Amino acid sequence: MFRDNPSPVEMNVADAQANSQDEAENRKPFYLRDSSTREEIETQISILSPTEREEYGELESTVSEQFVAAYGQFLNEEQKEYWLERQMIYTAPELAHAFVENWKTDVDAIDPETSNIEGRIFESYEIGTVDTTHQGTPISTPTHHLLAGRFIMHPILPEPSRGVSVQWLSRGTDPRTNVDVNESEEDVKRRWENLRSYRRTNSTGTMIIHEKVHGIQDLALPLPALEAAAYYYERDMAERCGWDHKLFGNTDKLADLYNEFVQKIGGDAHRLIFGNVTDQRQQSELVAHLKKIFTLDTIAQASSWNEDDRWPEPRKHIRWQSISVAEAGQRLKRNQTHS
């Protein structure tokens, strides 16, 4: 696996990997076998009315079917089934956080060899202010993946109107087009409400793509690549289907990194990210190609705002939290001791 004279990083990888063998099964994706579990939880904690739940459910079904139509050839049957069932639950932010704290079934997906990039293993990220010296409050990623990300708890604000409709899932239905200059005050109010629903429908539809992609990814791959892929697929589906959606600067740059991998590798890039490369040697080669594109330097460049960023203020900056391979190995040892 390594050269005759391995570097300190390579020795740390080998040591940590030896401690992770017993955890291999824990990295296998977990799926809810009984959809009534999700439905029961949704009934208890969803912030949406029954009518709104049906609207959001129809939106999820619509975008999910379109995703399977586009990428189903790279998915296994279990993953297709996952996509074609409803996985989203929408609840108040404080309830989502409380639920996460009280029902944790996390999977430690770290694989010391596969997960690391140049000796660092990325664990999480935040999106916040441009100036990294400014100690402002970062915007943490809000969506919580429960049961190893296999159903999705999404916080939603208690607005008076939260409606979505699949009729708005197209740039061609933008209420700002073909405005009648002689419209009445009631028409203006109606158009404004339609615009809010239009924006909410398109942003929610692409968010569903992003989060459900996480639900079928190979979680042992480096986190920046997993996030970049999720952004890539939401952007790609919006472009394919004509949805009104744009990524902001830094996430667009991350998606570009994964796009570079797709352009270089082709269909096997999708199979790798979804864990469907069965030949171990081929998988290792694909991971090596992935890491040639996702380096510490390219990740930092994609995550940092710069003067060429075309997006207006407030600009976003992605901050990654990472640990060394040696730290990962120590944690695996502690987990095995406590298991």
Foldseek 3Di string as FASTA:
>chain_A
DADPDDDPLVVLLVLLLVLCPVQVVLLPFDADPDCVVVVVVQVVFAPDDPVQVVQLQVLQQVLLVLLCVVQVVLDDPVLNVLSNDAQEHEGAQVVLVVVCVVAAPEGPLANSVQQDFPQKHFDAKFKAFQDPVDPDDTHGDRKDAHSQLSGTYHYDDNDPDQHEHVVLFAPVVQLVPPDDPPDDPVVVVVSVVVNVRSVNSLVSSLVSQLSSLSSQFSSNHHPLLNLLCSLLRSVVSCVVVRGDDDDFQLSVLSVVLLVVLCVVPPPVSSNLGRVNDPDPVVNVVSSVSSSVSVHPVSNQVSQHDDPVGPDDPPHMGMDTDIDGSNVSSVVSVVVVVVD
